[in-house]
Amino acid sequence: MKTSRFAWLRSITAGRLLRPPGAIDERRFAALCTRCNRCIEVCPYKSIKPAGITSIAGAGTPVILAREIPCYLCMKCPPACPTGALEPITDKRRVKMGIAVVDEKTCYAFQGILCRTCVDECPLTEEAIHQDEMLMPRVTDRCVGCGICERVCPAKQPAITIRPREVVT
């Protein structure tokens, strides 16, 4: 009984962690990551943190908490990984950490307040997120999931969040 419950808990948390750029699919990532912390050490922004001991999806494995410190796509972490859990990527446009999702109920723009903070701060200007003809933010499939938009959102609870997605290798 405990084993199946634990497996169920793993399944609902799998893929919900925002991994560093270049992370391979979650199952292989968990198997390859040795928790050496090299990716954490080379991150100049301190964006990458070890998952806590209560993390079901891998205590000590590298995660990014976008609302605290997003990934600024410096691309220093993939080559630091000795095991291949992070594949080398040099073009930040090829990163697939996740995708931004706008909550229309809490987004200032959808409430009639002119706000373009997420659009202005996106490192992939006019590619990953743009304003439509009604000045509403629209996320495209070019979004890499870095989390900068989530971090800079002026709403108390961010109206734009990153939904982690598995990297397709």
N, C-alpha and C. Protein backbone atom coordinates (compact mmCIF):
# COMPACT_ATOMS: atom_id res chain seq x y z
N MET A 1 0.83 -1.20 0.00
CA MET A 1 0.00 0.00 0.00
C MET A 1 0.86 1.25 0.00
N LYS A 2 1.87 1.30 0.89
CA LYS A 2 2.73 2.47 0.95
C LYS A 2 3.49 2.68 -0.35
N THR A 3 3.92 1.59 -0.97
CA THR A 3 4.66 1.70 -2.22
C THR A 3 3.80 2.33 -3.30
N SER A 4 2.54 1.89 -3.45
CA SER A 4 1.69 2.45 -4.50
C SER A 4 1.34 3.90 -4.20
N ARG A 5 1.16 4.24 -2.92
CA ARG A 5 0.87 5.63 -2.57
C ARG A 5 2.08 6.50 -2.89
N PHE A 6 3.28 6.02 -2.56
CA PHE A 6 4.50 6.76 -2.85
C PHE A 6 4.66 6.93 -4.37
N ALA A 7 4.36 5.87 -5.13
CA ALA A 7 4.44 5.95 -6.59
C ALA A 7 3.44 6.99 -7.11
N TRP A 8 2.25 7.03 -6.53
CA TRP A 8 1.25 8.01 -6.93
C TRP A 8 1.74 9.43 -6.66
N LEU A 9 2.35 9.64 -5.48
CA LEU A 9 2.88 10.96 -5.16
C LEU A 9 3.98 11.36 -6.14
N ARG A 10 4.82 10.42 -6.51
CA ARG A 10 5.85 10.72 -7.50
C ARG A 10 5.24 11.12 -8.83
N SER A 11 4.19 10.42 -9.23
CA SER A 11 3.59 10.71 -10.53
C SER A 11 2.95 12.09 -10.57
N ILE A 12 2.40 12.56 -9.46
CA ILE A 12 1.77 13.88 -9.51
C ILE A 12 2.79 15.01 -9.40
N THR A 13 3.99 14.71 -8.93
CA THR A 13 5.01 15.76 -8.87
C THR A 13 6.00 15.68 -10.02
N ALA A 14 6.04 14.56 -10.73
CA ALA A 14 6.98 14.42 -11.83
C ALA A 14 6.71 15.48 -12.89
N GLY A 15 7.76 16.10 -13.36
CA GLY A 15 7.63 17.09 -14.40
C GLY A 15 7.19 18.46 -13.91
N ARG A 16 7.00 18.62 -12.61
CA ARG A 16 6.56 19.92 -12.10
C ARG A 16 7.71 20.77 -11.61
N LEU A 17 8.90 20.23 -11.69
CA LEU A 17 10.07 20.99 -11.28
C LEU A 17 10.65 21.71 -12.48
N LEU A 18 11.07 22.93 -12.27
CA LEU A 18 11.73 23.67 -13.33
C LEU A 18 13.21 23.34 -13.23
N ARG A 19 13.68 22.62 -14.21
CA ARG A 19 15.06 22.17 -14.24
C ARG A 19 15.92 23.18 -15.01
N PRO A 20 17.23 23.13 -14.82
CA PRO A 20 18.13 24.03 -15.55
C PRO A 20 18.09 23.79 -17.06
N PRO A 21 18.58 24.75 -17.84
CA PRO A 21 18.63 24.56 -19.30
C PRO A 21 19.40 23.30 -19.67
N GLY A 22 18.89 22.62 -20.68
CA GLY A 22 19.54 21.41 -21.16
C GLY A 22 19.12 20.14 -20.45
N ALA A 23 18.26 20.26 -19.44
CA ALA A 23 17.83 19.06 -18.70
C ALA A 23 17.14 18.07 -19.64
N ILE A 24 17.54 16.82 -19.55
CA ILE A 24 16.92 15.79 -20.35
C ILE A 24 15.59 15.39 -19.69
N ASP A 25 14.88 14.43 -20.27
CA ASP A 25 13.58 14.06 -19.70
C ASP A 25 13.74 13.64 -18.24
N GLU A 26 12.72 13.87 -17.46
CA GLU A 26 12.78 13.76 -16.00
C GLU A 26 13.27 12.40 -15.50
N ARG A 27 12.81 11.34 -16.09
CA ARG A 27 13.21 10.00 -15.64
C ARG A 27 14.72 9.80 -15.83
N ARG A 28 15.22 10.13 -17.00
CA ARG A 28 16.66 9.99 -17.27
C ARG A 28 17.46 11.00 -16.46
N PHE A 29 16.91 12.20 -16.28
CA PHE A 29 17.60 13.21 -15.49
C PHE A 29 17.83 12.70 -14.06
N ALA A 30 16.78 12.15 -13.46
CA ALA A 30 16.88 11.65 -12.09
C ALA A 30 17.89 10.51 -11.98
N ALA A 31 17.99 9.72 -13.03
CA ALA A 31 18.94 8.61 -13.01
C ALA A 31 20.38 9.07 -13.21
N LEU A 32 20.58 10.12 -13.99
CA LEU A 32 21.94 10.58 -14.31
C LEU A 32 22.49 11.63 -13.35
N CYS A 33 21.63 12.44 -12.79
CA CYS A 33 22.12 13.52 -11.92
C CYS A 33 22.72 12.93 -10.65
N THR A 34 23.98 13.25 -10.40
CA THR A 34 24.68 12.74 -9.22
C THR A 34 24.67 13.73 -8.07
N ARG A 35 24.01 14.86 -8.27
CA ARG A 35 23.92 15.90 -7.24
C ARG A 35 25.32 16.45 -6.90
N CYS A 36 26.13 16.59 -7.94
CA CYS A 36 27.50 17.07 -7.75
C CYS A 36 27.54 18.58 -7.50
N ASN A 37 26.46 19.25 -7.81
CA ASN A 37 26.31 20.70 -7.60
C ASN A 37 27.14 21.57 -8.54
N ARG A 38 27.73 21.00 -9.56
CA ARG A 38 28.53 21.82 -10.48
C ARG A 38 27.68 22.85 -11.20
N CYS A 39 26.47 22.48 -11.58
CA CYS A 39 25.59 23.45 -12.24
C CYS A 39 25.23 24.59 -11.27
N ILE A 40 25.04 24.24 -10.02
CA ILE A 40 24.72 25.24 -8.99
C ILE A 40 25.91 26.18 -8.79
N GLU A 41 27.10 25.62 -8.76
CA GLU A 41 28.31 26.42 -8.53
C GLU A 41 28.61 27.39 -9.66
N VAL A 42 28.34 27.00 -10.91
CA VAL A 42 28.70 27.88 -12.04
C VAL A 42 27.62 28.92 -12.34
N CYS A 43 26.46 28.81 -11.76
CA CYS A 43 25.38 29.76 -12.04
C CYS A 43 25.71 31.12 -11.42
N PRO A 44 26.00 32.13 -12.26
CA PRO A 44 26.38 33.44 -11.71
C PRO A 44 25.24 34.17 -11.03
N TYR A 45 24.01 33.77 -11.30
CA TYR A 45 22.85 34.46 -10.73
C TYR A 45 22.29 33.76 -9.50
N LYS A 46 22.84 32.59 -9.19
CA LYS A 46 22.35 31.77 -8.07
C LYS A 46 20.91 31.34 -8.29
N SER A 47 20.57 31.14 -9.57
CA SER A 47 19.22 30.72 -9.94
C SER A 47 18.96 29.25 -9.61
N ILE A 48 19.99 28.45 -9.69
CA ILE A 48 19.84 27.01 -9.49
C ILE A 48 20.07 26.68 -8.02
N LYS A 49 19.11 25.96 -7.47
CA LYS A 49 19.15 25.54 -6.06
C LYS A 49 19.00 24.03 -5.98
N PRO A 50 19.49 23.42 -4.92
CA PRO A 50 19.20 22.00 -4.74
C PRO A 50 17.78 21.82 -4.21
N ALA A 51 17.08 20.84 -4.75
CA ALA A 51 15.74 20.55 -4.25
C ALA A 51 15.84 20.13 -2.79
N GLY A 52 14.88 20.53 -2.00
CA GLY A 52 14.89 20.23 -0.57
C GLY A 52 14.74 18.75 -0.26
N ILE A 53 15.04 18.40 0.98
CA ILE A 53 14.99 16.99 1.38
C ILE A 53 13.58 16.41 1.35
N THR A 54 12.57 17.27 1.36
CA THR A 54 11.20 16.77 1.30
C THR A 54 10.71 16.64 -0.14
N SER A 55 11.55 16.99 -1.09
CA SER A 55 11.16 16.91 -2.50
C SER A 55 11.06 15.45 -2.93
N ILE A 56 9.91 15.06 -3.36
CA ILE A 56 9.68 13.69 -3.80
C ILE A 56 10.40 13.43 -5.12
N ALA A 57 10.56 14.47 -5.92
CA ALA A 57 11.15 14.28 -7.24
C ALA A 57 12.66 14.41 -7.25
N GLY A 58 13.32 14.21 -6.13
CA GLY A 58 14.77 14.16 -6.13
C GLY A 58 15.46 15.17 -5.24
N ALA A 59 15.54 14.90 -3.97
CA ALA A 59 16.23 15.80 -3.04
C ALA A 59 17.65 16.02 -3.50
N GLY A 60 18.06 17.27 -3.52
CA GLY A 60 19.42 17.62 -3.90
C GLY A 60 19.62 17.84 -5.38
N THR A 61 18.64 17.47 -6.19
CA THR A 61 18.78 17.70 -7.63
C THR A 61 18.54 19.18 -7.92
N PRO A 62 19.12 19.70 -9.01
CA PRO A 62 19.01 21.12 -9.30
C PRO A 62 17.63 21.54 -9.79
N VAL A 63 17.13 22.61 -9.20
CA VAL A 63 15.84 23.18 -9.60
C VAL A 63 15.97 24.70 -9.65
N ILE A 64 15.04 25.32 -10.34
CA ILE A 64 14.98 26.78 -10.43
C ILE A 64 13.62 27.20 -9.92
N LEU A 65 13.60 28.12 -8.99
CA LEU A 65 12.35 28.67 -8.46
C LEU A 65 12.20 30.05 -9.09
N ALA A 66 11.46 30.10 -10.18
CA ALA A 66 11.40 31.29 -11.02
C ALA A 66 10.97 32.55 -10.27
N ARG A 67 10.05 32.44 -9.37
CA ARG A 67 9.58 33.63 -8.66
C ARG A 67 10.68 34.21 -7.77
N GLU A 68 11.58 33.36 -7.29
CA GLU A 68 12.70 33.84 -6.47
C GLU A 68 13.82 34.38 -7.35
N ILE A 69 14.42 33.51 -8.15
CA ILE A 69 15.48 33.92 -9.08
C ILE A 69 15.31 33.08 -10.34
N PRO A 70 14.88 33.70 -11.44
CA PRO A 70 14.69 32.95 -12.67
C PRO A 70 16.02 32.59 -13.33
N CYS A 71 15.94 31.87 -14.41
CA CYS A 71 17.12 31.55 -15.21
C CYS A 71 17.33 32.69 -16.20
N TYR A 72 18.53 33.25 -16.21
CA TYR A 72 18.84 34.34 -17.13
C TYR A 72 19.52 33.86 -18.40
N LEU A 73 19.47 32.56 -18.63
CA LEU A 73 19.93 31.95 -19.87
C LEU A 73 21.38 32.25 -20.21
N CYS A 74 22.24 32.25 -19.20
CA CYS A 74 23.67 32.48 -19.45
C CYS A 74 24.32 31.26 -20.09
N MET A 75 23.69 30.10 -19.93
CA MET A 75 24.10 28.85 -20.54
C MET A 75 25.43 28.30 -20.01
N LYS A 76 25.77 28.65 -18.77
CA LYS A 76 26.99 28.14 -18.17
C LYS A 76 26.80 26.76 -17.52
N CYS A 77 25.56 26.42 -17.17
CA CYS A 77 25.34 25.16 -16.47
C CYS A 77 25.42 23.91 -17.35
N PRO A 78 24.89 23.90 -18.57
CA PRO A 78 24.97 22.64 -19.33
C PRO A 78 26.38 22.09 -19.52
N PRO A 79 27.37 22.90 -19.89
CA PRO A 79 28.70 22.31 -20.05
C PRO A 79 29.36 21.89 -18.72
N ALA A 80 28.85 22.37 -17.61
CA ALA A 80 29.41 22.00 -16.30
C ALA A 80 28.97 20.62 -15.84
N CYS A 81 27.92 20.09 -16.44
CA CYS A 81 27.38 18.79 -16.02
C CYS A 81 28.25 17.65 -16.54
N PRO A 82 28.83 16.85 -15.64
CA PRO A 82 29.71 15.77 -16.07
C PRO A 82 29.00 14.48 -16.49
N THR A 83 27.69 14.39 -16.23
CA THR A 83 27.01 13.11 -16.45
C THR A 83 26.09 13.09 -17.66
N GLY A 84 25.81 14.24 -18.25
CA GLY A 84 24.87 14.30 -19.37
C GLY A 84 23.44 14.53 -18.94
N ALA A 85 23.19 14.78 -17.66
CA ALA A 85 21.84 15.10 -17.21
C ALA A 85 21.40 16.44 -17.79
N LEU A 86 22.38 17.31 -18.05
CA LEU A 86 22.15 18.57 -18.76
C LEU A 86 22.89 18.48 -20.09
N GLU A 87 22.16 18.50 -21.17
CA GLU A 87 22.78 18.44 -22.49
C GLU A 87 23.31 19.81 -22.87
N PRO A 88 24.46 19.86 -23.51
CA PRO A 88 25.03 21.16 -23.91
C PRO A 88 24.12 21.89 -24.90
N ILE A 89 23.82 23.12 -24.58
CA ILE A 89 23.03 23.99 -25.46
C ILE A 89 23.73 25.34 -25.46
N THR A 90 23.95 25.88 -26.62
CA THR A 90 24.58 27.21 -26.68
C THR A 90 23.58 28.27 -27.10
N ASP A 91 22.55 27.87 -27.85
CA ASP A 91 21.55 28.83 -28.33
C ASP A 91 20.39 28.88 -27.34
N LYS A 92 20.23 30.00 -26.66
CA LYS A 92 19.17 30.11 -25.65
C LYS A 92 17.78 29.90 -26.24
N ARG A 93 17.62 30.05 -27.53
CA ARG A 93 16.32 29.83 -28.17
C ARG A 93 15.95 28.34 -28.24
N ARG A 94 16.92 27.47 -28.03
CA ARG A 94 16.68 26.02 -28.07
C ARG A 94 16.35 25.45 -26.69
N VAL A 95 16.43 26.26 -25.66
CA VAL A 95 16.12 25.82 -24.30
C VAL A 95 14.63 25.48 -24.21
N LYS A 96 14.30 24.43 -23.50
CA LYS A 96 12.90 24.02 -23.31
C LYS A 96 12.67 23.65 -21.85
N MET A 97 12.77 24.63 -20.97
CA MET A 97 12.56 24.40 -19.54
C MET A 97 11.08 24.30 -19.20
N GLY A 98 10.28 25.05 -19.90
CA GLY A 98 8.85 25.11 -19.64
C GLY A 98 8.20 26.12 -20.55
N ILE A 99 7.02 26.52 -20.20
CA ILE A 99 6.30 27.53 -20.98
C ILE A 99 5.49 28.41 -20.04
N ALA A 100 5.48 29.68 -20.34
CA ALA A 100 4.73 30.64 -19.53
C ALA A 100 3.23 30.49 -19.78
N VAL A 101 2.46 30.64 -18.72
CA VAL A 101 1.00 30.57 -18.81
C VAL A 101 0.45 31.81 -18.11
N VAL A 102 -0.42 32.54 -18.81
CA VAL A 102 -1.01 33.76 -18.27
C VAL A 102 -2.35 33.44 -17.63
N ASP A 103 -2.55 33.91 -16.41
CA ASP A 103 -3.83 33.77 -15.72
C ASP A 103 -4.62 35.05 -16.01
N GLU A 104 -5.57 34.95 -16.88
CA GLU A 104 -6.34 36.11 -17.31
C GLU A 104 -7.15 36.74 -16.17
N LYS A 105 -7.44 35.96 -15.13
CA LYS A 105 -8.22 36.49 -14.01
C LYS A 105 -7.40 37.44 -13.15
N THR A 106 -6.07 37.26 -13.11
CA THR A 106 -5.24 38.10 -12.25
C THR A 106 -4.28 39.01 -13.01
N CYS A 107 -4.12 38.81 -14.31
CA CYS A 107 -3.22 39.63 -15.11
C CYS A 107 -3.77 41.06 -15.21
N TYR A 108 -2.94 42.03 -14.86
CA TYR A 108 -3.36 43.43 -14.90
C TYR A 108 -3.90 43.84 -16.26
N ALA A 109 -3.25 43.39 -17.33
CA ALA A 109 -3.69 43.77 -18.67
C ALA A 109 -5.13 43.32 -18.93
N PHE A 110 -5.48 42.14 -18.43
CA PHE A 110 -6.85 41.64 -18.62
C PHE A 110 -7.84 42.32 -17.66
N GLN A 111 -7.33 43.07 -16.71
CA GLN A 111 -8.18 43.82 -15.78
C GLN A 111 -8.34 45.27 -16.22
N GLY A 112 -7.81 45.60 -17.39
CA GLY A 112 -7.94 46.96 -17.92
C GLY A 112 -6.82 47.89 -17.48
N ILE A 113 -5.77 47.36 -16.87
CA ILE A 113 -4.63 48.17 -16.43
C ILE A 113 -3.50 47.94 -17.43
N LEU A 114 -2.99 49.01 -18.00
CA LEU A 114 -1.91 48.87 -18.96
C LEU A 114 -0.67 48.32 -18.26
N CYS A 115 -0.26 47.15 -18.66
CA CYS A 115 0.93 46.51 -18.09
C CYS A 115 1.57 45.70 -19.20
N ARG A 116 2.85 45.88 -19.36
CA ARG A 116 3.60 45.10 -20.34
C ARG A 116 4.93 44.64 -19.76
N THR A 117 4.97 44.51 -18.45
CA THR A 117 6.21 44.14 -17.79
C THR A 117 6.76 42.83 -18.32
N CYS A 118 5.94 41.81 -18.45
CA CYS A 118 6.42 40.51 -18.93
C CYS A 118 6.94 40.62 -20.35
N VAL A 119 6.28 41.38 -21.17
CA VAL A 119 6.69 41.56 -22.57
C VAL A 119 8.04 42.29 -22.62
N ASP A 120 8.16 43.35 -21.84
CA ASP A 120 9.38 44.15 -21.86
C ASP A 120 10.60 43.42 -21.32
N GLU A 121 10.41 42.53 -20.36
CA GLU A 121 11.54 41.86 -19.71
C GLU A 121 11.92 40.53 -20.33
N CYS A 122 11.14 40.02 -21.24
CA CYS A 122 11.43 38.73 -21.86
C CYS A 122 12.74 38.81 -22.64
N PRO A 123 13.65 37.85 -22.41
CA PRO A 123 14.93 37.88 -23.13
C PRO A 123 14.79 37.53 -24.62
N LEU A 124 13.66 36.97 -25.00
CA LEU A 124 13.41 36.66 -26.41
C LEU A 124 12.36 37.65 -26.93
N THR A 125 12.73 38.90 -26.93
CA THR A 125 11.85 40.01 -27.28
C THR A 125 11.01 39.73 -28.52
N GLU A 126 9.70 39.87 -28.33
CA GLU A 126 8.70 39.70 -29.39
C GLU A 126 8.67 38.31 -30.01
N GLU A 127 9.43 37.39 -29.48
CA GLU A 127 9.39 36.01 -29.98
C GLU A 127 8.57 35.13 -29.06
N ALA A 128 8.87 35.17 -27.78
CA ALA A 128 8.25 34.27 -26.82
C ALA A 128 6.94 34.82 -26.26
N ILE A 129 6.87 36.13 -26.13
CA ILE A 129 5.65 36.77 -25.62
C ILE A 129 5.52 38.14 -26.28
N HIS A 130 4.33 38.47 -26.63
CA HIS A 130 4.06 39.77 -27.26
C HIS A 130 2.67 40.24 -26.85
N GLN A 131 2.36 41.47 -27.17
CA GLN A 131 1.02 41.98 -26.92
C GLN A 131 0.20 41.86 -28.19
N ASP A 132 -1.04 41.42 -28.05
CA ASP A 132 -1.91 41.34 -29.21
C ASP A 132 -2.50 42.72 -29.50
N GLU A 133 -3.40 42.80 -30.44
CA GLU A 133 -3.99 44.08 -30.85
C GLU A 133 -4.79 44.75 -29.72
N MET A 134 -5.19 43.98 -28.71
CA MET A 134 -5.92 44.52 -27.55
C MET A 134 -4.98 44.80 -26.38
N LEU A 135 -3.67 44.68 -26.61
CA LEU A 135 -2.61 44.91 -25.63
C LEU A 135 -2.57 43.87 -24.51
N MET A 136 -3.04 42.66 -24.82
CA MET A 136 -3.00 41.56 -23.87
C MET A 136 -1.75 40.72 -24.16
N PRO A 137 -1.09 40.21 -23.12
CA PRO A 137 0.09 39.38 -23.35
C PRO A 137 -0.30 38.02 -23.93
N ARG A 138 0.46 37.61 -24.94
CA ARG A 138 0.24 36.31 -25.58
C ARG A 138 1.57 35.57 -25.65
N VAL A 139 1.58 34.39 -25.08
CA VAL A 139 2.78 33.56 -25.06
C VAL A 139 2.77 32.69 -26.31
N THR A 140 3.92 32.57 -26.95
CA THR A 140 4.04 31.75 -28.14
C THR A 140 4.78 30.45 -27.81
N ASP A 141 4.83 29.56 -28.76
CA ASP A 141 5.56 28.30 -28.55
C ASP A 141 7.07 28.51 -28.57
N ARG A 142 7.53 29.73 -28.78
CA ARG A 142 8.95 30.05 -28.72
C ARG A 142 9.41 30.31 -27.29
N CYS A 143 8.49 30.34 -26.36
CA CYS A 143 8.83 30.54 -24.94
C CYS A 143 9.72 29.39 -24.48
N VAL A 144 10.80 29.72 -23.78
CA VAL A 144 11.75 28.70 -23.31
C VAL A 144 11.53 28.33 -21.85
N GLY A 145 10.70 29.10 -21.13
CA GLY A 145 10.40 28.77 -19.75
C GLY A 145 11.44 29.24 -18.74
N CYS A 146 12.13 30.31 -19.03
CA CYS A 146 13.20 30.79 -18.14
C CYS A 146 12.66 31.33 -16.82
N GLY A 147 11.44 31.85 -16.83
CA GLY A 147 10.82 32.33 -15.60
C GLY A 147 11.01 33.81 -15.32
N ILE A 148 11.68 34.53 -16.19
CA ILE A 148 11.88 35.96 -15.97
C ILE A 148 10.55 36.69 -15.89
N CYS A 149 9.62 36.33 -16.74
CA CYS A 149 8.30 36.97 -16.73
C CYS A 149 7.59 36.75 -15.39
N GLU A 150 7.71 35.54 -14.85
CA GLU A 150 7.09 35.25 -13.55
C GLU A 150 7.71 36.09 -12.46
N ARG A 151 9.01 36.23 -12.49
CA ARG A 151 9.74 37.00 -11.47
C ARG A 151 9.36 38.48 -11.50
N VAL A 152 9.21 39.06 -12.68
CA VAL A 152 8.97 40.50 -12.78
C VAL A 152 7.49 40.89 -12.74
N CYS A 153 6.61 39.93 -12.79
CA CYS A 153 5.17 40.24 -12.77
C CYS A 153 4.85 41.05 -11.51
N PRO A 154 4.23 42.23 -11.69
CA PRO A 154 3.96 43.08 -10.53
C PRO A 154 2.78 42.64 -9.66
N ALA A 155 2.01 41.67 -10.12
CA ALA A 155 0.89 41.19 -9.32
C ALA A 155 1.41 40.47 -8.07
N LYS A 156 0.67 40.59 -6.98
CA LYS A 156 1.09 39.96 -5.72
C LYS A 156 1.31 38.46 -5.91
N GLN A 157 0.33 37.78 -6.45
CA GLN A 157 0.49 36.40 -6.90
C GLN A 157 0.72 36.51 -8.39
N PRO A 158 1.85 36.02 -8.90
CA PRO A 158 2.16 36.25 -10.31
C PRO A 158 1.04 35.80 -11.25
N ALA A 159 0.70 36.67 -12.18
CA ALA A 159 -0.35 36.37 -13.14
C ALA A 159 0.21 35.60 -14.33
N ILE A 160 1.51 35.45 -14.36
CA ILE A 160 2.15 34.63 -15.38
C ILE A 160 3.11 33.70 -14.66
N THR A 161 2.96 32.43 -14.90
CA THR A 161 3.79 31.43 -14.23
C THR A 161 4.36 30.47 -15.27
N ILE A 162 5.38 29.76 -14.86
CA ILE A 162 6.00 28.80 -15.76
C ILE A 162 5.48 27.41 -15.46
N ARG A 163 5.00 26.77 -16.49
CA ARG A 163 4.59 25.37 -16.38
C ARG A 163 5.76 24.56 -16.93
N PRO A 164 6.47 23.87 -16.06
CA PRO A 164 7.60 23.06 -16.55
C PRO A 164 7.12 22.02 -17.54
N ARG A 165 7.95 21.75 -18.52
CA ARG A 165 7.62 20.70 -19.48
C ARG A 165 8.85 19.82 -19.68
N GLU A 166 8.59 18.60 -19.98
CA GLU A 166 9.69 17.68 -20.20
C GLU A 166 10.40 18.07 -21.48
N VAL A 167 11.70 18.00 -21.44
CA VAL A 167 12.49 18.30 -22.62
C VAL A 167 12.42 17.12 -23.57
N VAL A 168 12.11 17.41 -24.81
CA VAL A 168 12.07 16.36 -25.83
C VAL A 168 13.47 16.29 -26.42
N THR A 169 14.11 15.16 -26.29
CA THR A 169 15.49 15.02 -26.77
C THR A 169 15.53 14.49 -28.17
